[in-house]
Amino acid sequence: MTPPRPHKLLTPKDVAELAKQIAEHIVIQPRWLKLKQAATYSGIGQKRLKSLAENGEITGYSDQNSGRGDWIFDKESIDEYRLKPVQETSVRFKKFLDGIGA
């Protein structure tokens, strides 16, 4: 067994270096995702994401500030959508049930 090392007081320079090392490992998660990011994040296809946004099931829109009309999506609304049961979120499923008289 090795003897314990003596405690060393950290200097302000040591603290600054530790803070820098910690900051390098912090990952900032954006709330708004571009179309490809949203598809990767959610596992939902790009066309389906646009359809869900157009139907108001998730928050997303064509970003006119991009100059190309790129789509952006609210990550929190995607999370909420994924947590809902299929019967509440699937417009196609609702139409199917209405069609068979359920």
PDB file of N, CA and C in Angstrom:
ATOM      1  N   MET A   1       0.842  -1.169   0.000  1.00  0.00           N
ATOM      2  CA  MET A   1       0.000   0.000   0.000  1.00  0.00           C
ATOM      3  C   MET A   1       0.895   1.243   0.000  1.00  0.00           C
ATOM      4  N   THR A   2       0.522   2.187  -0.855  1.00  0.00           N
ATOM      5  CA  THR A   2       1.325   3.408  -0.930  1.00  0.00           C
ATOM      6  C   THR A   2       0.792   4.431   0.055  1.00  0.00           C
ATOM      7  N   PRO A   3       1.671   5.200   0.619  1.00  0.00           N
ATOM      8  CA  PRO A   3       1.217   6.219   1.576  1.00  0.00           C
ATOM      9  C   PRO A   3       0.450   7.317   0.839  1.00  0.00           C
ATOM     10  N   PRO A   4      -0.506   7.941   1.519  1.00  0.00           N
ATOM     11  CA  PRO A   4      -1.262   9.021   0.870  1.00  0.00           C
ATOM     12  C   PRO A   4      -0.354  10.189   0.525  1.00  0.00           C
ATOM     13  N   ARG A   5      -0.680  10.819  -0.615  1.00  0.00           N
ATOM     14  CA  ARG A   5       0.102  11.989  -1.016  1.00  0.00           C
ATOM     15  C   ARG A   5      -0.304  13.189  -0.183  1.00  0.00           C
ATOM     16  N   PRO A   6       0.640  14.047   0.102  1.00  0.00           N
ATOM     17  CA  PRO A   6       0.272  15.245   0.872  1.00  0.00           C
ATOM     18  C   PRO A   6      -0.633  16.142   0.026  1.00  0.00           C
ATOM     19  N   HIS A   7      -1.566  16.794   0.686  1.00  0.00           N
ATOM     20  CA  HIS A   7      -2.475  17.702  -0.012  1.00  0.00           C
ATOM     21  C   HIS A   7      -1.729  18.955  -0.445  1.00  0.00           C
ATOM     22  N   LYS A   8      -2.067  19.389  -1.639  1.00  0.00           N
ATOM     23  CA  LYS A   8      -1.437  20.589  -2.182  1.00  0.00           C
ATOM     24  C   LYS A   8      -2.537  21.614  -2.437  1.00  0.00           C
ATOM     25  N   LEU A   9      -2.334  22.816  -1.991  1.00  0.00           N
ATOM     26  CA  LEU A   9      -3.293  23.874  -2.272  1.00  0.00           C
ATOM     27  C   LEU A   9      -3.182  24.275  -3.730  1.00  0.00           C
ATOM     28  N   LEU A  10      -4.320  24.470  -4.345  1.00  0.00           N
ATOM     29  CA  LEU A  10      -4.333  24.877  -5.746  1.00  0.00           C
ATOM     30  C   LEU A  10      -4.097  26.381  -5.857  1.00  0.00           C
ATOM     31  N   THR A  11      -3.286  26.722  -6.809  1.00  0.00           N
ATOM     32  CA  THR A  11      -3.058  28.134  -7.081  1.00  0.00           C
ATOM     33  C   THR A  11      -4.144  28.632  -8.015  1.00  0.00           C
ATOM     34  N   PRO A  12      -4.340  29.936  -8.128  1.00  0.00           N
ATOM     35  CA  PRO A  12      -5.319  30.451  -9.090  1.00  0.00           C
ATOM     36  C   PRO A  12      -5.032  29.955 -10.509  1.00  0.00           C
ATOM     37  N   LYS A  13      -3.773  29.802 -10.850  1.00  0.00           N
ATOM     38  CA  LYS A  13      -3.403  29.299 -12.177  1.00  0.00           C
ATOM     39  C   LYS A  13      -3.874  27.847 -12.342  1.00  0.00           C
ATOM     40  N   ASP A  14      -3.723  27.027 -11.279  1.00  0.00           N
ATOM     41  CA  ASP A  14      -4.193  25.636 -11.315  1.00  0.00           C
ATOM     42  C   ASP A  14      -5.707  25.581 -11.502  1.00  0.00           C
ATOM     43  N   VAL A  15      -6.418  26.431 -10.779  1.00  0.00           N
ATOM     44  CA  VAL A  15      -7.881  26.469 -10.868  1.00  0.00           C
ATOM     45  C   VAL A  15      -8.314  26.881 -12.275  1.00  0.00           C
ATOM     46  N   ALA A  16      -7.645  27.859 -12.850  1.00  0.00           N
ATOM     47  CA  ALA A  16      -7.973  28.305 -14.202  1.00  0.00           C
ATOM     48  C   ALA A  16      -7.742  27.183 -15.211  1.00  0.00           C
ATOM     49  N   GLU A  17      -6.665  26.442 -15.054  1.00  0.00           N
ATOM     50  CA  GLU A  17      -6.372  25.333 -15.958  1.00  0.00           C
ATOM     51  C   GLU A  17      -7.406  24.222 -15.824  1.00  0.00           C
ATOM     52  N   LEU A  18      -7.806  23.910 -14.607  1.00  0.00           N
ATOM     53  CA  LEU A  18      -8.851  22.898 -14.393  1.00  0.00           C
ATOM     54  C   LEU A  18     -10.176  23.344 -15.006  1.00  0.00           C
ATOM     55  N   ALA A  19     -10.517  24.605 -14.835  1.00  0.00           N
ATOM     56  CA  ALA A  19     -11.756  25.138 -15.410  1.00  0.00           C
ATOM     57  C   ALA A  19     -11.724  25.038 -16.932  1.00  0.00           C
ATOM     58  N   LYS A  20     -10.584  25.321 -17.523  1.00  0.00           N
ATOM     59  CA  LYS A  20     -10.434  25.227 -18.972  1.00  0.00           C
ATOM     60  C   LYS A  20     -10.622  23.786 -19.435  1.00  0.00           C
ATOM     61  N   GLN A  21     -10.038  22.837 -18.721  1.00  0.00           N
ATOM     62  CA  GLN A  21     -10.168  21.427 -19.086  1.00  0.00           C
ATOM     63  C   GLN A  21     -11.620  20.958 -18.966  1.00  0.00           C
ATOM     64  N   ILE A  22     -12.310  21.386 -17.929  1.00  0.00           N
ATOM     65  CA  ILE A  22     -13.718  21.015 -17.748  1.00  0.00           C
ATOM     66  C   ILE A  22     -14.566  21.612 -18.860  1.00  0.00           C
ATOM     67  N   ALA A  23     -14.341  22.882 -19.190  1.00  0.00           N
ATOM     68  CA  ALA A  23     -15.115  23.564 -20.226  1.00  0.00           C
ATOM     69  C   ALA A  23     -14.972  22.884 -21.579  1.00  0.00           C
ATOM     70  N   GLU A  24     -13.821  22.298 -21.859  1.00  0.00           N
ATOM     71  CA  GLU A  24     -13.610  21.613 -23.136  1.00  0.00           C
ATOM     72  C   GLU A  24     -14.477  20.375 -23.271  1.00  0.00           C
ATOM     73  N   HIS A  25     -14.941  19.829 -22.164  1.00  0.00           N
ATOM     74  CA  HIS A  25     -15.727  18.600 -22.189  1.00  0.00           C
ATOM     75  C   HIS A  25     -17.230  18.837 -22.069  1.00  0.00           C
ATOM     76  N   ILE A  26     -17.622  20.080 -21.902  1.00  0.00           N
ATOM     77  CA  ILE A  26     -19.041  20.397 -21.807  1.00  0.00           C
ATOM     78  C   ILE A  26     -19.613  20.473 -23.224  1.00  0.00           C
ATOM     79  N   VAL A  27     -20.712  19.760 -23.439  1.00  0.00           N
ATOM     80  CA  VAL A  27     -21.366  19.764 -24.745  1.00  0.00           C
ATOM     81  C   VAL A  27     -22.666  20.545 -24.613  1.00  0.00           C
ATOM     82  N   ILE A  28     -22.811  21.544 -25.442  1.00  0.00           N
ATOM     83  CA  ILE A  28     -24.030  22.348 -25.426  1.00  0.00           C
ATOM     84  C   ILE A  28     -25.006  21.752 -26.435  1.00  0.00           C
ATOM     85  N   GLN A  29     -26.200  21.430 -25.965  1.00  0.00           N
ATOM     86  CA  GLN A  29     -27.234  20.862 -26.824  1.00  0.00           C
ATOM     87  C   GLN A  29     -28.137  21.987 -27.325  1.00  0.00           C
ATOM     88  N   PRO A  30     -28.188  22.219 -28.634  1.00  0.00           N
ATOM     89  CA  PRO A  30     -29.066  23.265 -29.146  1.00  0.00           C
ATOM     90  C   PRO A  30     -30.531  22.860 -29.037  1.00  0.00           C
ATOM     91  N   ARG A  31     -31.403  23.838 -28.832  1.00  0.00           N
ATOM     92  CA  ARG A  31     -32.841  23.544 -28.780  1.00  0.00           C
ATOM     93  C   ARG A  31     -33.416  23.411 -30.182  1.00  0.00           C
ATOM     94  N   TRP A  32     -32.942  24.215 -31.112  1.00  0.00           N
ATOM     95  CA  TRP A  32     -33.453  24.189 -32.477  1.00  0.00           C
ATOM     96  C   TRP A  32     -32.499  23.393 -33.360  1.00  0.00           C
ATOM     97  N   LEU A  33     -33.062  22.441 -34.116  1.00  0.00           N
ATOM     98  CA  LEU A  33     -32.270  21.552 -34.954  1.00  0.00           C
ATOM     99  C   LEU A  33     -32.611  21.756 -36.424  1.00  0.00           C
ATOM    100  N   LYS A  34     -31.605  21.693 -37.268  1.00  0.00           N
ATOM    101  CA  LYS A  34     -31.836  21.718 -38.708  1.00  0.00           C
ATOM    102  C   LYS A  34     -32.469  20.386 -39.100  1.00  0.00           C
ATOM    103  N   LEU A  35     -33.013  20.328 -40.311  1.00  0.00           N
ATOM    104  CA  LEU A  35     -33.753  19.155 -40.768  1.00  0.00           C
ATOM    105  C   LEU A  35     -32.954  17.857 -40.621  1.00  0.00           C
ATOM    106  N   LYS A  36     -31.734  17.829 -41.114  1.00  0.00           N
ATOM    107  CA  LYS A  36     -30.926  16.608 -41.021  1.00  0.00           C
ATOM    108  C   LYS A  36     -30.625  16.251 -39.567  1.00  0.00           C
ATOM    109  N   GLN A  37     -30.326  17.260 -38.756  1.00  0.00           N
ATOM    110  CA  GLN A  37     -30.057  17.017 -37.336  1.00  0.00           C
ATOM    111  C   GLN A  37     -31.295  16.440 -36.652  1.00  0.00           C
ATOM    112  N   ALA A  38     -32.457  17.010 -36.957  1.00  0.00           N
ATOM    113  CA  ALA A  38     -33.708  16.557 -36.343  1.00  0.00           C
ATOM    114  C   ALA A  38     -34.019  15.119 -36.753  1.00  0.00           C
ATOM    115  N   ALA A  39     -33.769  14.793 -38.011  1.00  0.00           N
ATOM    116  CA  ALA A  39     -34.021  13.424 -38.489  1.00  0.00           C
ATOM    117  C   ALA A  39     -33.095  12.432 -37.792  1.00  0.00           C
ATOM    118  N   THR A  40     -31.837  12.788 -37.659  1.00  0.00           N
ATOM    119  CA  THR A  40     -30.873  11.920 -36.976  1.00  0.00           C
ATOM    120  C   THR A  40     -31.243  11.782 -35.504  1.00  0.00           C
ATOM    121  N   TYR A  41     -31.550  12.898 -34.872  1.00  0.00           N
ATOM    122  CA  TYR A  41     -31.881  12.907 -33.446  1.00  0.00           C
ATOM    123  C   TYR A  41     -33.123  12.067 -33.151  1.00  0.00           C
ATOM    124  N   SER A  42     -34.152  12.240 -33.978  1.00  0.00           N
ATOM    125  CA  SER A  42     -35.448  11.628 -33.687  1.00  0.00           C
ATOM    126  C   SER A  42     -35.620  10.228 -34.266  1.00  0.00           C
ATOM    127  N   GLY A  43     -34.866   9.927 -35.324  1.00  0.00           N
ATOM    128  CA  GLY A  43     -35.088   8.658 -36.019  1.00  0.00           C
ATOM    129  C   GLY A  43     -36.312   8.708 -36.917  1.00  0.00           C
ATOM    130  N   ILE A  44     -36.778   9.907 -37.192  1.00  0.00           N
ATOM    131  CA  ILE A  44     -37.941  10.119 -38.059  1.00  0.00           C
ATOM    132  C   ILE A  44     -37.434  10.686 -39.382  1.00  0.00           C
ATOM    133  N   GLY A  45     -37.975  10.213 -40.485  1.00  0.00           N
ATOM    134  CA  GLY A  45     -37.551  10.678 -41.795  1.00  0.00           C
ATOM    135  C   GLY A  45     -37.829  12.158 -42.009  1.00  0.00           C
ATOM    136  N   GLN A  46     -37.072  12.751 -42.926  1.00  0.00           N
ATOM    137  CA  GLN A  46     -37.185  14.188 -43.171  1.00  0.00           C
ATOM    138  C   GLN A  46     -38.569  14.582 -43.674  1.00  0.00           C
ATOM    139  N   LYS A  47     -39.131  13.815 -44.605  1.00  0.00           N
ATOM    140  CA  LYS A  47     -40.472  14.134 -45.111  1.00  0.00           C
ATOM    141  C   LYS A  47     -41.507  14.043 -44.004  1.00  0.00           C
ATOM    142  N   ARG A  48     -41.374  13.029 -43.151  1.00  0.00           N
ATOM    143  CA  ARG A  48     -42.324  12.845 -42.050  1.00  0.00           C
ATOM    144  C   ARG A  48     -42.210  14.000 -41.047  1.00  0.00           C
ATOM    145  N   LEU A  49     -40.987  14.456 -40.775  1.00  0.00           N
ATOM    146  CA  LEU A  49     -40.815  15.590 -39.868  1.00  0.00           C
ATOM    147  C   LEU A  49     -41.528  16.828 -40.411  1.00  0.00           C
ATOM    148  N   LYS A  50     -41.363  17.091 -41.691  1.00  0.00           N
ATOM    149  CA  LYS A  50     -42.040  18.247 -42.296  1.00  0.00           C
ATOM    150  C   LYS A  50     -43.555  18.092 -42.189  1.00  0.00           C
ATOM    151  N   SER A  51     -44.043  16.877 -42.452  1.00  0.00           N
ATOM    152  CA  SER A  51     -45.478  16.614 -42.366  1.00  0.00           C
ATOM    153  C   SER A  51     -45.998  16.814 -40.945  1.00  0.00           C
ATOM    154  N   LEU A  52     -45.251  16.316 -39.969  1.00  0.00           N
ATOM    155  CA  LEU A  52     -45.652  16.493 -38.570  1.00  0.00           C
ATOM    156  C   LEU A  52     -45.713  17.971 -38.199  1.00  0.00           C
ATOM    157  N   ALA A  53     -44.755  18.757 -38.695  1.00  0.00           N
ATOM    158  CA  ALA A  53     -44.743  20.192 -38.413  1.00  0.00           C
ATOM    159  C   ALA A  53     -45.920  20.890 -39.101  1.00  0.00           C
ATOM    160  N   GLU A  54     -46.186  20.515 -40.338  1.00  0.00           N
ATOM    161  CA  GLU A  54     -47.297  21.126 -41.072  1.00  0.00           C
ATOM    162  C   GLU A  54     -48.639  20.806 -40.421  1.00  0.00           C
ATOM    163  N   ASN A  55     -48.747  19.618 -39.797  1.00  0.00           N
ATOM    164  CA  ASN A  55     -49.976  19.217 -39.113  1.00  0.00           C
ATOM    165  C   ASN A  55     -50.044  19.716 -37.676  1.00  0.00           C
ATOM    166  N   GLY A  56     -48.995  20.408 -37.225  1.00  0.00           N
ATOM    167  CA  GLY A  56     -48.976  20.957 -35.876  1.00  0.00           C
ATOM    168  C   GLY A  56     -48.668  19.944 -34.780  1.00  0.00           C
ATOM    169  N   GLU A  57     -48.177  18.766 -35.157  1.00  0.00           N
ATOM    170  CA  GLU A  57     -47.875  17.748 -34.149  1.00  0.00           C
ATOM    171  C   GLU A  57     -46.519  17.988 -33.483  1.00  0.00           C
ATOM    172  N   ILE A  58     -45.617  18.665 -34.177  1.00  0.00           N
ATOM    173  CA  ILE A  58     -44.352  19.111 -33.603  1.00  0.00           C
ATOM    174  C   ILE A  58     -44.144  20.558 -34.050  1.00  0.00           C
ATOM    175  N   THR A  59     -43.226  21.249 -33.394  1.00  0.00           N
ATOM    176  CA  THR A  59     -42.937  22.633 -33.762  1.00  0.00           C
ATOM    177  C   THR A  59     -41.764  22.649 -34.729  1.00  0.00           C
ATOM    178  N   GLY A  60     -42.030  23.122 -35.918  1.00  0.00           N
ATOM    179  CA  GLY A  60     -40.997  23.241 -36.937  1.00  0.00           C
ATOM    180  C   GLY A  60     -41.506  24.131 -38.047  1.00  0.00           C
ATOM    181  N   TYR A  61     -40.588  24.792 -38.709  1.00  0.00           N
ATOM    182  CA  TYR A  61     -41.004  25.657 -39.804  1.00  0.00           C
ATOM    183  C   TYR A  61     -39.842  25.925 -40.736  1.00  0.00           C
ATOM    184  N   SER A  62     -40.197  26.423 -41.889  1.00  0.00           N
ATOM    185  CA  SER A  62     -39.210  26.812 -42.879  1.00  0.00           C
ATOM    186  C   SER A  62     -38.604  28.132 -42.428  1.00  0.00           C
ATOM    187  N   ASP A  63     -37.307  28.145 -42.216  1.00  0.00           N
ATOM    188  CA  ASP A  63     -36.606  29.318 -41.706  1.00  0.00           C
ATOM    189  C   ASP A  63     -36.321  30.285 -42.844  1.00  0.00           C
ATOM    190  N   GLN A  64     -37.111  31.330 -42.941  1.00  0.00           N
ATOM    191  CA  GLN A  64     -36.962  32.298 -44.018  1.00  0.00           C
ATOM    192  C   GLN A  64     -35.672  33.096 -43.891  1.00  0.00           C
ATOM    193  N   ASN A  65     -35.089  33.141 -42.687  1.00  0.00           N
ATOM    194  CA  ASN A  65     -33.835  33.860 -42.486  1.00  0.00           C
ATOM    195  C   ASN A  65     -32.649  33.150 -43.109  1.00  0.00           C
ATOM    196  N   SER A  66     -32.822  31.871 -43.448  1.00  0.00           N
ATOM    197  CA  SER A  66     -31.699  31.120 -44.006  1.00  0.00           C
ATOM    198  C   SER A  66     -31.435  31.488 -45.459  1.00  0.00           C
ATOM    199  N   GLY A  67     -32.393  32.117 -46.100  1.00  0.00           N
ATOM    200  CA  GLY A  67     -32.224  32.482 -47.501  1.00  0.00           C
ATOM    201  C   GLY A  67     -32.628  31.363 -48.450  1.00  0.00           C
ATOM    202  N   ARG A  68     -32.705  30.136 -47.941  1.00  0.00           N
ATOM    203  CA  ARG A  68     -33.088  28.988 -48.775  1.00  0.00           C
ATOM    204  C   ARG A  68     -34.355  28.323 -48.271  1.00  0.00           C
ATOM    205  N   GLY A  69     -34.893  28.822 -47.176  1.00  0.00           N
ATOM    206  CA  GLY A  69     -36.093  28.208 -46.618  1.00  0.00           C
ATOM    207  C   GLY A  69     -35.819  26.878 -45.935  1.00  0.00           C
ATOM    208  N   ASP A  70     -34.622  26.743 -45.358  1.00  0.00           N
ATOM    209  CA  ASP A  70     -34.283  25.518 -44.636  1.00  0.00           C
ATOM    210  C   ASP A  70     -35.249  25.323 -43.465  1.00  0.00           C
ATOM    211  N   TRP A  71     -35.542  24.072 -43.169  1.00  0.00           N
ATOM    212  CA  TRP A  71     -36.431  23.750 -42.057  1.00  0.00           C
ATOM    213  C   TRP A  71     -35.647  23.663 -40.762  1.00  0.00           C
ATOM    214  N   ILE A  72     -36.276  24.140 -39.667  1.00  0.00           N
ATOM    215  CA  ILE A  72     -35.723  23.964 -38.330  1.00  0.00           C
ATOM    216  C   ILE A  72     -36.832  23.430 -37.424  1.00  0.00           C
ATOM    217  N   PHE A  73     -36.433  22.662 -36.414  1.00  0.00           N
ATOM    218  CA  PHE A  73     -37.390  21.994 -35.540  1.00  0.00           C
ATOM    219  C   PHE A  73     -37.001  22.185 -34.081  1.00  0.00           C
ATOM    220  N   ASP A  74     -38.013  22.300 -33.243  1.00  0.00           N
ATOM    221  CA  ASP A  74     -37.816  22.433 -31.804  1.00  0.00           C
ATOM    222  C   ASP A  74     -37.582  21.042 -31.209  1.00  0.00           C
ATOM    223  N   LYS A  75     -36.418  20.845 -30.651  1.00  0.00           N
ATOM    224  CA  LYS A  75     -36.045  19.542 -30.090  1.00  0.00           C
ATOM    225  C   LYS A  75     -37.012  19.105 -28.989  1.00  0.00           C
ATOM    226  N   GLU A  76     -37.459  20.041 -28.168  1.00  0.00           N
ATOM    227  CA  GLU A  76     -38.375  19.697 -27.073  1.00  0.00           C
ATOM    228  C   GLU A  76     -39.707  19.185 -27.602  1.00  0.00           C
ATOM    229  N   SER A  77     -40.195  19.747 -28.708  1.00  0.00           N
ATOM    230  CA  SER A  77     -41.470  19.274 -29.258  1.00  0.00           C
ATOM    231  C   SER A  77     -41.306  17.874 -29.853  1.00  0.00           C
ATOM    232  N   ILE A  78     -40.124  17.579 -30.383  1.00  0.00           N
ATOM    233  CA  ILE A  78     -39.857  16.223 -30.881  1.00  0.00           C
ATOM    234  C   ILE A  78     -39.863  15.247 -29.709  1.00  0.00           C
ATOM    235  N   ASP A  79     -39.232  15.630 -28.602  1.00  0.00           N
ATOM    236  CA  ASP A  79     -39.222  14.774 -27.411  1.00  0.00           C
ATOM    237  C   ASP A  79     -40.649  14.511 -26.918  1.00  0.00           C
ATOM    238  N   GLU A  80     -41.463  15.553 -26.861  1.00  0.00           N
ATOM    239  CA  GLU A  80     -42.856  15.398 -26.418  1.00  0.00           C
ATOM    240  C   GLU A  80     -43.627  14.485 -27.363  1.00  0.00           C
ATOM    241  N   TYR A  81     -43.419  14.653 -28.659  1.00  0.00           N
ATOM    242  CA  TYR A  81     -44.089  13.815 -29.646  1.00  0.00           C
ATOM    243  C   TYR A  81     -43.726  12.345 -29.445  1.00  0.00           C
ATOM    244  N   ARG A  82     -42.442  12.081 -29.221  1.00  0.00           N
ATOM    245  CA  ARG A  82     -41.975  10.700 -29.064  1.00  0.00           C
ATOM    246  C   ARG A  82     -42.514  10.060 -27.784  1.00  0.00           C
ATOM    247  N   LEU A  83     -42.879  10.857 -26.793  1.00  0.00           N
ATOM    248  CA  LEU A  83     -43.383  10.315 -25.540  1.00  0.00           C
ATOM    249  C   LEU A  83     -44.884  10.018 -25.562  1.00  0.00           C
ATOM    250  N   LYS A  84     -45.602  10.575 -26.530  1.00  0.00           N
ATOM    251  CA  LYS A  84     -47.047  10.358 -26.617  1.00  0.00           C
ATOM    252  C   LYS A  84     -47.339   8.980 -27.201  1.00  0.00           C
ATOM    253  N   PRO A  85     -48.458   8.383 -26.794  1.00  0.00           N
ATOM    254  CA  PRO A  85     -48.855   7.113 -27.409  1.00  0.00           C
ATOM    255  C   PRO A  85     -49.184   7.299 -28.885  1.00  0.00           C
ATOM    256  N   VAL A  86     -49.059   6.255 -29.652  1.00  0.00           N
ATOM    257  CA  VAL A  86     -49.296   6.308 -31.097  1.00  0.00           C
ATOM    258  C   VAL A  86     -50.694   6.821 -31.405  1.00  0.00           C
ATOM    259  N   GLN A  87     -51.685   6.428 -30.634  1.00  0.00           N
ATOM    260  CA  GLN A  87     -53.061   6.841 -30.924  1.00  0.00           C
ATOM    261  C   GLN A  87     -53.239   8.349 -30.858  1.00  0.00           C
ATOM    262  N   GLU A  88     -52.452   9.033 -30.041  1.00  0.00           N
ATOM    263  CA  GLU A  88     -52.590  10.481 -29.911  1.00  0.00           C
ATOM    264  C   GLU A  88     -51.801  11.239 -30.959  1.00  0.00           C
ATOM    265  N   THR A  89     -50.791  10.644 -31.537  1.00  0.00           N
ATOM    266  CA  THR A  89     -49.895  11.396 -32.397  1.00  0.00           C
ATOM    267  C   THR A  89     -50.022  11.069 -33.876  1.00  0.00           C
ATOM    268  N   SER A  90     -50.533   9.929 -34.212  1.00  0.00           N
ATOM    269  CA  SER A  90     -50.539   9.531 -35.613  1.00  0.00           C
ATOM    270  C   SER A  90     -51.841   9.925 -36.297  1.00  0.00           C
ATOM    271  N   VAL A  91     -51.766  10.912 -37.149  1.00  0.00           N
ATOM    272  CA  VAL A  91     -52.942  11.360 -37.898  1.00  0.00           C
ATOM    273  C   VAL A  91     -53.424  10.240 -38.803  1.00  0.00           C
ATOM    274  N   ARG A  92     -52.495   9.532 -39.432  1.00  0.00           N
ATOM    275  CA  ARG A  92     -52.879   8.419 -40.306  1.00  0.00           C
ATOM    276  C   ARG A  92     -53.622   7.349 -39.529  1.00  0.00           C
ATOM    277  N   PHE A  93     -53.169   7.058 -38.315  1.00  0.00           N
ATOM    278  CA  PHE A  93     -53.815   6.043 -37.496  1.00  0.00           C
ATOM    279  C   PHE A  93     -55.223   6.464 -37.135  1.00  0.00           C
ATOM    280  N   LYS A  94     -55.405   7.747 -36.794  1.00  0.00           N
ATOM    281  CA  LYS A  94     -56.735   8.256 -36.480  1.00  0.00           C
ATOM    282  C   LYS A  94     -57.661   8.124 -37.682  1.00  0.00           C
ATOM    283  N   LYS A  95     -57.173   8.482 -38.850  1.00  0.00           N
ATOM    284  CA  LYS A  95     -57.989   8.371 -40.061  1.00  0.00           C
ATOM    285  C   LYS A  95     -58.330   6.916 -40.347  1.00  0.00           C
ATOM    286  N   PHE A  96     -57.383   6.043 -40.116  1.00  0.00           N
ATOM    287  CA  PHE A  96     -57.618   4.614 -40.316  1.00  0.00           C
ATOM    288  C   PHE A  96     -58.730   4.127 -39.387  1.00  0.00           C
ATOM    289  N   LEU A  97     -58.656   4.509 -38.113  1.00  0.00           N
ATOM    290  CA  LEU A  97     -59.675   4.093 -37.145  1.00  0.00           C
ATOM    291  C   LEU A  97     -61.031   4.666 -37.509  1.00  0.00           C
ATOM    292  N   ASP A  98     -61.065   5.920 -37.952  1.00  0.00           N
ATOM    293  CA  ASP A  98     -62.339   6.527 -38.382  1.00  0.00           C
ATOM    294  C   ASP A  98     -62.910   5.782 -39.583  1.00  0.00           C
ATOM    295  N   GLY A  99     -62.028   5.357 -40.469  1.00  0.00           N
ATOM    296  CA  GLY A  99     -62.456   4.663 -41.686  1.00  0.00           C
ATOM    297  C   GLY A  99     -63.065   3.302 -41.430  1.00  0.00           C
ATOM    298  N   ILE A 100     -62.648   2.634 -40.344  1.00  0.00           N
ATOM    299  CA  ILE A 100     -63.191   1.318 -40.061  1.00  0.00           C
ATOM    300  C   ILE A 100     -64.306   1.373 -39.016  1.00  0.00           C
ATOM    301  N   GLY A 101     -64.618   2.587 -38.582  1.00  0.00           N
ATOM    302  CA  GLY A 101     -65.720   2.768 -37.653  1.00  0.00           C
ATOM    303  C   GLY A 101     -65.389   2.448 -36.217  1.00  0.00           C
ATOM    304  N   ALA A 102     -64.112   2.535 -35.865  1.00  0.00           N
ATOM    305  CA  ALA A 102     -63.710   2.234 -34.477  1.00  0.00           C
ATOM    306  C   ALA A 102     -63.985   3.404 -33.570  1.00  0.00           C
TER     307      ALA A 102
END
